[in-house]
Amino acid sequence: MIGGTRNLGPSMVRALLQQGHEVAIFNRGQTPDDLPPEVERLRGDRTDREQLKQALGGREFDLVLDTTLYNGVEAETIVELFAGRIGRYLFLSTGQVYLVRLGVARPFKEEDYRGR
């Protein structure tokens, strides 16, 4: 899981563990958590391509749950990094992804990201 310590992350981690899955989380390690010790912790900043490669580059996963995807560059980096090495990739969307903004009409575009 990319993220894993805030919002839905902890409950998702616990649910996966209860179902018998091995779970690793990748995040910056800045948010305190009370996740069980069997959760593997991988550290780095997802906005830094080299940190992502260093922590995840040689790994294979059945599933990657991404709870902190905020822009197209981050999505492209993940696609490139995991090409051919994961079973499934799922990201949880937020209003940021759909550009909940005043005065922006569909279809939303990446360049519309900033604003009220």
N, C-alpha and C. Protein backbone atom coordinates (compact mmCIF):
# COMPACT_ATOMS: atom_id res chain seq x y z
N MET A 1 0.85 -1.16 0.00
CA MET A 1 0.00 0.00 0.00
C MET A 1 0.89 1.23 0.00
N ILE A 2 0.56 2.16 -0.86
CA ILE A 2 1.24 3.44 -0.85
C ILE A 2 0.39 4.35 0.04
N GLY A 3 0.97 4.81 1.11
CA GLY A 3 0.23 5.51 2.16
C GLY A 3 0.08 4.52 3.31
N GLY A 4 -1.14 4.40 3.82
CA GLY A 4 -1.43 3.36 4.79
C GLY A 4 -1.56 3.78 6.24
N THR A 5 -1.19 5.00 6.57
CA THR A 5 -1.24 5.38 7.99
C THR A 5 -2.30 6.44 8.31
N ARG A 6 -3.01 6.94 7.30
CA ARG A 6 -4.02 7.96 7.55
C ARG A 6 -5.31 7.60 6.82
N ASN A 7 -6.37 8.25 7.21
CA ASN A 7 -7.67 8.10 6.58
C ASN A 7 -8.08 6.63 6.52
N LEU A 8 -8.34 6.09 5.34
CA LEU A 8 -8.77 4.69 5.22
C LEU A 8 -7.64 3.68 5.35
N GLY A 9 -6.41 4.14 5.25
CA GLY A 9 -5.26 3.25 5.23
C GLY A 9 -5.20 2.24 6.36
N PRO A 10 -5.23 2.69 7.63
CA PRO A 10 -5.10 1.73 8.73
C PRO A 10 -6.18 0.64 8.72
N SER A 11 -7.42 1.02 8.45
CA SER A 11 -8.47 -0.01 8.45
C SER A 11 -8.30 -0.96 7.26
N MET A 12 -7.82 -0.46 6.14
CA MET A 12 -7.56 -1.34 5.00
C MET A 12 -6.41 -2.30 5.30
N VAL A 13 -5.37 -1.80 5.93
CA VAL A 13 -4.23 -2.65 6.31
C VAL A 13 -4.71 -3.76 7.24
N ARG A 14 -5.47 -3.41 8.25
CA ARG A 14 -5.95 -4.41 9.21
C ARG A 14 -6.86 -5.44 8.54
N ALA A 15 -7.72 -4.99 7.64
CA ALA A 15 -8.61 -5.92 6.93
C ALA A 15 -7.80 -6.90 6.08
N LEU A 16 -6.78 -6.42 5.41
CA LEU A 16 -5.93 -7.30 4.60
C LEU A 16 -5.20 -8.31 5.49
N LEU A 17 -4.70 -7.87 6.63
CA LEU A 17 -4.02 -8.78 7.55
C LEU A 17 -4.99 -9.84 8.08
N GLN A 18 -6.21 -9.43 8.42
CA GLN A 18 -7.21 -10.37 8.93
C GLN A 18 -7.56 -11.43 7.89
N GLN A 19 -7.45 -11.08 6.62
CA GLN A 19 -7.72 -12.03 5.55
C GLN A 19 -6.51 -12.91 5.23
N GLY A 20 -5.41 -12.70 5.94
CA GLY A 20 -4.24 -13.54 5.76
C GLY A 20 -3.21 -13.04 4.77
N HIS A 21 -3.33 -11.80 4.32
CA HIS A 21 -2.39 -11.25 3.35
C HIS A 21 -1.14 -10.71 4.04
N GLU A 22 -0.03 -10.76 3.36
CA GLU A 22 1.16 -10.06 3.81
C GLU A 22 1.02 -8.62 3.33
N VAL A 23 1.35 -7.66 4.19
CA VAL A 23 1.13 -6.25 3.86
C VAL A 23 2.41 -5.46 4.08
N ALA A 24 2.73 -4.65 3.08
CA ALA A 24 3.82 -3.68 3.18
C ALA A 24 3.22 -2.31 2.90
N ILE A 25 3.69 -1.30 3.62
CA ILE A 25 3.26 0.07 3.35
C ILE A 25 4.48 0.89 2.95
N PHE A 26 4.27 1.76 1.98
CA PHE A 26 5.32 2.70 1.56
C PHE A 26 4.82 4.10 1.86
N ASN A 27 5.56 4.82 2.68
CA ASN A 27 5.23 6.21 2.97
C ASN A 27 6.46 6.90 3.54
N ARG A 28 6.31 8.17 3.89
CA ARG A 28 7.44 8.95 4.39
C ARG A 28 7.80 8.62 5.83
N GLY A 29 6.91 7.93 6.53
CA GLY A 29 7.19 7.59 7.92
C GLY A 29 7.00 8.75 8.88
N GLN A 30 6.22 9.74 8.49
CA GLN A 30 6.03 10.92 9.34
C GLN A 30 4.79 10.85 10.22
N THR A 31 3.83 10.02 9.85
CA THR A 31 2.59 9.93 10.61
C THR A 31 2.67 8.75 11.58
N PRO A 32 2.57 9.00 12.88
CA PRO A 32 2.59 7.90 13.84
C PRO A 32 1.42 6.95 13.57
N ASP A 33 1.65 5.66 13.80
CA ASP A 33 0.58 4.70 13.60
C ASP A 33 0.66 3.61 14.66
N ASP A 34 -0.41 2.86 14.78
CA ASP A 34 -0.43 1.73 15.70
C ASP A 34 -0.67 0.43 14.94
N LEU A 35 -0.15 0.36 13.72
CA LEU A 35 -0.31 -0.85 12.92
C LEU A 35 0.52 -1.98 13.52
N PRO A 36 0.06 -3.21 13.32
CA PRO A 36 0.77 -4.35 13.90
C PRO A 36 2.21 -4.46 13.38
N PRO A 37 3.09 -5.08 14.15
CA PRO A 37 4.50 -5.18 13.77
C PRO A 37 4.75 -6.01 12.52
N GLU A 38 3.80 -6.88 12.13
CA GLU A 38 4.01 -7.69 10.93
C GLU A 38 3.87 -6.89 9.63
N VAL A 39 3.42 -5.65 9.73
CA VAL A 39 3.34 -4.80 8.54
C VAL A 39 4.76 -4.34 8.18
N GLU A 40 5.18 -4.66 6.96
CA GLU A 40 6.50 -4.22 6.50
C GLU A 40 6.42 -2.73 6.16
N ARG A 41 7.38 -1.98 6.64
CA ARG A 41 7.40 -0.54 6.39
C ARG A 41 8.53 -0.19 5.44
N LEU A 42 8.16 0.40 4.33
CA LEU A 42 9.11 0.86 3.32
C LEU A 42 9.03 2.38 3.32
N ARG A 43 10.16 3.05 3.34
CA ARG A 43 10.16 4.50 3.52
C ARG A 43 10.66 5.24 2.29
N GLY A 44 10.05 6.38 2.06
CA GLY A 44 10.46 7.27 1.00
C GLY A 44 9.35 8.24 0.66
N ASP A 45 9.68 9.19 -0.18
CA ASP A 45 8.74 10.21 -0.64
C ASP A 45 8.30 9.83 -2.05
N ARG A 46 7.01 9.60 -2.23
CA ARG A 46 6.52 9.15 -3.53
C ARG A 46 6.74 10.18 -4.64
N THR A 47 6.95 11.44 -4.29
CA THR A 47 7.19 12.46 -5.31
C THR A 47 8.64 12.45 -5.80
N ASP A 48 9.48 11.65 -5.16
CA ASP A 48 10.88 11.53 -5.54
C ASP A 48 11.08 10.19 -6.24
N ARG A 49 11.23 10.22 -7.55
CA ARG A 49 11.33 9.01 -8.37
C ARG A 49 12.42 8.07 -7.87
N GLU A 50 13.56 8.63 -7.48
CA GLU A 50 14.68 7.79 -7.03
C GLU A 50 14.36 7.10 -5.70
N GLN A 51 13.67 7.79 -4.80
CA GLN A 51 13.30 7.14 -3.54
C GLN A 51 12.31 6.01 -3.78
N LEU A 52 11.39 6.22 -4.70
CA LEU A 52 10.45 5.15 -5.08
C LEU A 52 11.20 3.95 -5.64
N LYS A 53 12.10 4.20 -6.57
CA LYS A 53 12.87 3.12 -7.18
C LYS A 53 13.68 2.36 -6.15
N GLN A 54 14.32 3.09 -5.25
CA GLN A 54 15.16 2.47 -4.23
C GLN A 54 14.33 1.56 -3.32
N ALA A 55 13.16 2.01 -2.90
CA ALA A 55 12.34 1.24 -1.97
C ALA A 55 11.54 0.13 -2.65
N LEU A 56 11.10 0.37 -3.88
CA LEU A 56 10.16 -0.55 -4.53
C LEU A 56 10.65 -1.14 -5.83
N GLY A 57 11.72 -0.61 -6.38
CA GLY A 57 12.15 -0.95 -7.73
C GLY A 57 12.33 -2.41 -8.05
N GLY A 58 12.84 -3.21 -7.14
CA GLY A 58 13.07 -4.61 -7.43
C GLY A 58 11.96 -5.53 -6.94
N ARG A 59 10.91 -4.98 -6.39
CA ARG A 59 9.85 -5.77 -5.76
C ARG A 59 8.75 -6.13 -6.74
N GLU A 60 8.07 -7.24 -6.42
CA GLU A 60 6.85 -7.63 -7.14
C GLU A 60 5.75 -7.75 -6.11
N PHE A 61 4.53 -7.36 -6.51
CA PHE A 61 3.39 -7.40 -5.61
C PHE A 61 2.18 -7.95 -6.36
N ASP A 62 1.33 -8.67 -5.63
CA ASP A 62 0.06 -9.12 -6.22
C ASP A 62 -0.88 -7.95 -6.42
N LEU A 63 -0.83 -7.01 -5.48
CA LEU A 63 -1.73 -5.86 -5.50
C LEU A 63 -1.02 -4.65 -4.93
N VAL A 64 -1.18 -3.50 -5.56
CA VAL A 64 -0.72 -2.23 -5.01
C VAL A 64 -1.96 -1.38 -4.82
N LEU A 65 -2.22 -0.98 -3.57
CA LEU A 65 -3.30 -0.05 -3.23
C LEU A 65 -2.64 1.31 -3.01
N ASP A 66 -3.04 2.28 -3.78
CA ASP A 66 -2.43 3.60 -3.71
C ASP A 66 -3.44 4.57 -3.11
N THR A 67 -3.12 5.08 -1.93
CA THR A 67 -4.05 6.01 -1.26
C THR A 67 -3.55 7.44 -1.29
N THR A 68 -2.46 7.70 -2.02
CA THR A 68 -1.89 9.05 -2.02
C THR A 68 -1.51 9.53 -3.42
N LEU A 69 -2.28 9.17 -4.42
CA LEU A 69 -1.99 9.60 -5.79
C LEU A 69 -2.69 10.94 -6.05
N TYR A 70 -1.91 11.96 -6.40
CA TYR A 70 -2.49 13.29 -6.54
C TYR A 70 -2.34 13.94 -7.89
N ASN A 71 -1.49 13.41 -8.78
CA ASN A 71 -1.35 14.07 -10.09
C ASN A 71 -0.85 13.09 -11.14
N GLY A 72 -0.87 13.54 -12.37
CA GLY A 72 -0.49 12.70 -13.50
C GLY A 72 0.96 12.24 -13.47
N VAL A 73 1.87 13.10 -13.04
CA VAL A 73 3.29 12.72 -12.98
C VAL A 73 3.47 11.55 -12.02
N GLU A 74 2.82 11.60 -10.87
CA GLU A 74 2.92 10.50 -9.91
C GLU A 74 2.35 9.22 -10.50
N ALA A 75 1.25 9.32 -11.23
CA ALA A 75 0.65 8.14 -11.86
C ALA A 75 1.60 7.54 -12.90
N GLU A 76 2.18 8.39 -13.74
CA GLU A 76 3.11 7.91 -14.77
C GLU A 76 4.32 7.22 -14.13
N THR A 77 4.83 7.76 -13.04
CA THR A 77 5.97 7.16 -12.35
C THR A 77 5.62 5.76 -11.86
N ILE A 78 4.45 5.60 -11.25
CA ILE A 78 4.04 4.30 -10.75
C ILE A 78 3.86 3.30 -11.89
N VAL A 79 3.23 3.73 -12.98
CA VAL A 79 3.04 2.85 -14.13
C VAL A 79 4.38 2.36 -14.66
N GLU A 80 5.33 3.27 -14.81
CA GLU A 80 6.66 2.89 -15.30
C GLU A 80 7.38 1.97 -14.31
N LEU A 81 7.32 2.31 -13.05
CA LEU A 81 8.04 1.55 -12.03
C LEU A 81 7.54 0.11 -11.91
N PHE A 82 6.24 -0.08 -11.96
CA PHE A 82 5.67 -1.40 -11.73
C PHE A 82 5.32 -2.17 -13.01
N ALA A 83 5.65 -1.66 -14.16
CA ALA A 83 5.31 -2.34 -15.42
C ALA A 83 5.75 -3.80 -15.38
N GLY A 84 4.79 -4.70 -15.51
CA GLY A 84 5.08 -6.13 -15.56
C GLY A 84 5.41 -6.77 -14.22
N ARG A 85 5.28 -6.04 -13.11
CA ARG A 85 5.69 -6.58 -11.82
C ARG A 85 4.60 -6.58 -10.76
N ILE A 86 3.37 -6.24 -11.14
CA ILE A 86 2.26 -6.31 -10.19
C ILE A 86 1.08 -7.00 -10.84
N GLY A 87 0.25 -7.62 -10.00
CA GLY A 87 -0.96 -8.25 -10.50
C GLY A 87 -2.04 -7.22 -10.79
N ARG A 88 -2.26 -6.35 -9.84
CA ARG A 88 -3.29 -5.30 -9.97
C ARG A 88 -2.81 -4.03 -9.28
N TYR A 89 -3.33 -2.91 -9.80
CA TYR A 89 -3.04 -1.61 -9.21
C TYR A 89 -4.38 -0.91 -9.01
N LEU A 90 -4.61 -0.42 -7.81
CA LEU A 90 -5.85 0.27 -7.50
C LEU A 90 -5.52 1.53 -6.73
N PHE A 91 -6.03 2.67 -7.19
CA PHE A 91 -5.85 3.88 -6.40
C PHE A 91 -7.21 4.39 -5.96
N LEU A 92 -7.21 4.96 -4.78
CA LEU A 92 -8.43 5.54 -4.23
C LEU A 92 -8.46 7.01 -4.61
N SER A 93 -9.52 7.41 -5.22
CA SER A 93 -9.63 8.76 -5.71
C SER A 93 -10.18 9.70 -4.64
N THR A 94 -9.88 10.97 -4.82
CA THR A 94 -10.41 12.00 -3.94
C THR A 94 -10.95 13.13 -4.81
N GLY A 95 -11.51 14.10 -4.18
CA GLY A 95 -11.98 15.28 -4.92
C GLY A 95 -10.85 15.93 -5.70
N GLN A 96 -9.61 15.81 -5.21
CA GLN A 96 -8.48 16.41 -5.90
C GLN A 96 -8.32 15.81 -7.29
N VAL A 97 -8.55 14.52 -7.41
CA VAL A 97 -8.42 13.86 -8.70
C VAL A 97 -9.46 14.38 -9.67
N TYR A 98 -10.67 14.62 -9.18
CA TYR A 98 -11.75 15.08 -10.04
C TYR A 98 -11.86 16.59 -10.14
N LEU A 99 -10.88 17.27 -9.60
CA LEU A 99 -10.83 18.72 -9.72
C LEU A 99 -12.12 19.40 -9.26
N VAL A 100 -12.47 19.19 -8.02
CA VAL A 100 -13.62 19.87 -7.46
C VAL A 100 -13.21 21.32 -7.28
N ARG A 101 -13.53 22.12 -8.24
CA ARG A 101 -13.11 23.51 -8.27
C ARG A 101 -14.28 24.39 -8.72
N LEU A 102 -14.24 25.62 -8.28
CA LEU A 102 -15.24 26.59 -8.73
C LEU A 102 -14.93 27.00 -10.16
N GLY A 103 -15.94 27.05 -11.01
CA GLY A 103 -15.79 27.55 -12.36
C GLY A 103 -15.11 26.62 -13.34
N VAL A 104 -14.88 25.36 -12.98
CA VAL A 104 -14.26 24.41 -13.90
C VAL A 104 -15.34 23.48 -14.43
N ALA A 105 -15.40 23.36 -15.76
CA ALA A 105 -16.43 22.52 -16.39
C ALA A 105 -15.81 21.23 -16.93
N ARG A 106 -16.61 20.19 -17.00
CA ARG A 106 -16.19 18.92 -17.59
C ARG A 106 -15.96 19.09 -19.07
N PRO A 107 -15.05 18.40 -19.68
CA PRO A 107 -14.15 17.43 -19.07
C PRO A 107 -13.00 18.14 -18.37
N PHE A 108 -12.63 17.67 -17.18
CA PHE A 108 -11.56 18.27 -16.41
C PHE A 108 -10.22 17.92 -17.04
N LYS A 109 -9.28 18.83 -16.93
CA LYS A 109 -7.95 18.63 -17.50
C LYS A 109 -6.90 18.88 -16.42
N GLU A 110 -5.75 18.27 -16.59
CA GLU A 110 -4.67 18.41 -15.60
C GLU A 110 -4.31 19.88 -15.39
N GLU A 111 -4.33 20.68 -16.44
CA GLU A 111 -3.96 22.10 -16.30
C GLU A 111 -5.00 22.90 -15.51
N ASP A 112 -6.18 22.32 -15.26
CA ASP A 112 -7.21 22.98 -14.46
C ASP A 112 -7.03 22.76 -12.97
N TYR A 113 -5.97 22.05 -12.58
CA TYR A 113 -5.81 21.60 -11.20
C TYR A 113 -5.80 22.74 -10.18
N ARG A 114 -5.08 23.79 -10.45
CA ARG A 114 -4.97 24.88 -9.47
C ARG A 114 -6.17 25.81 -9.56
N GLY A 115 -6.56 26.31 -8.43
CA GLY A 115 -7.67 27.27 -8.41
C GLY A 115 -8.55 27.08 -7.20
N ARG A 116 -9.57 27.94 -7.09
CA ARG A 116 -10.52 27.87 -5.97
C ARG A 116 -11.47 26.71 -6.17
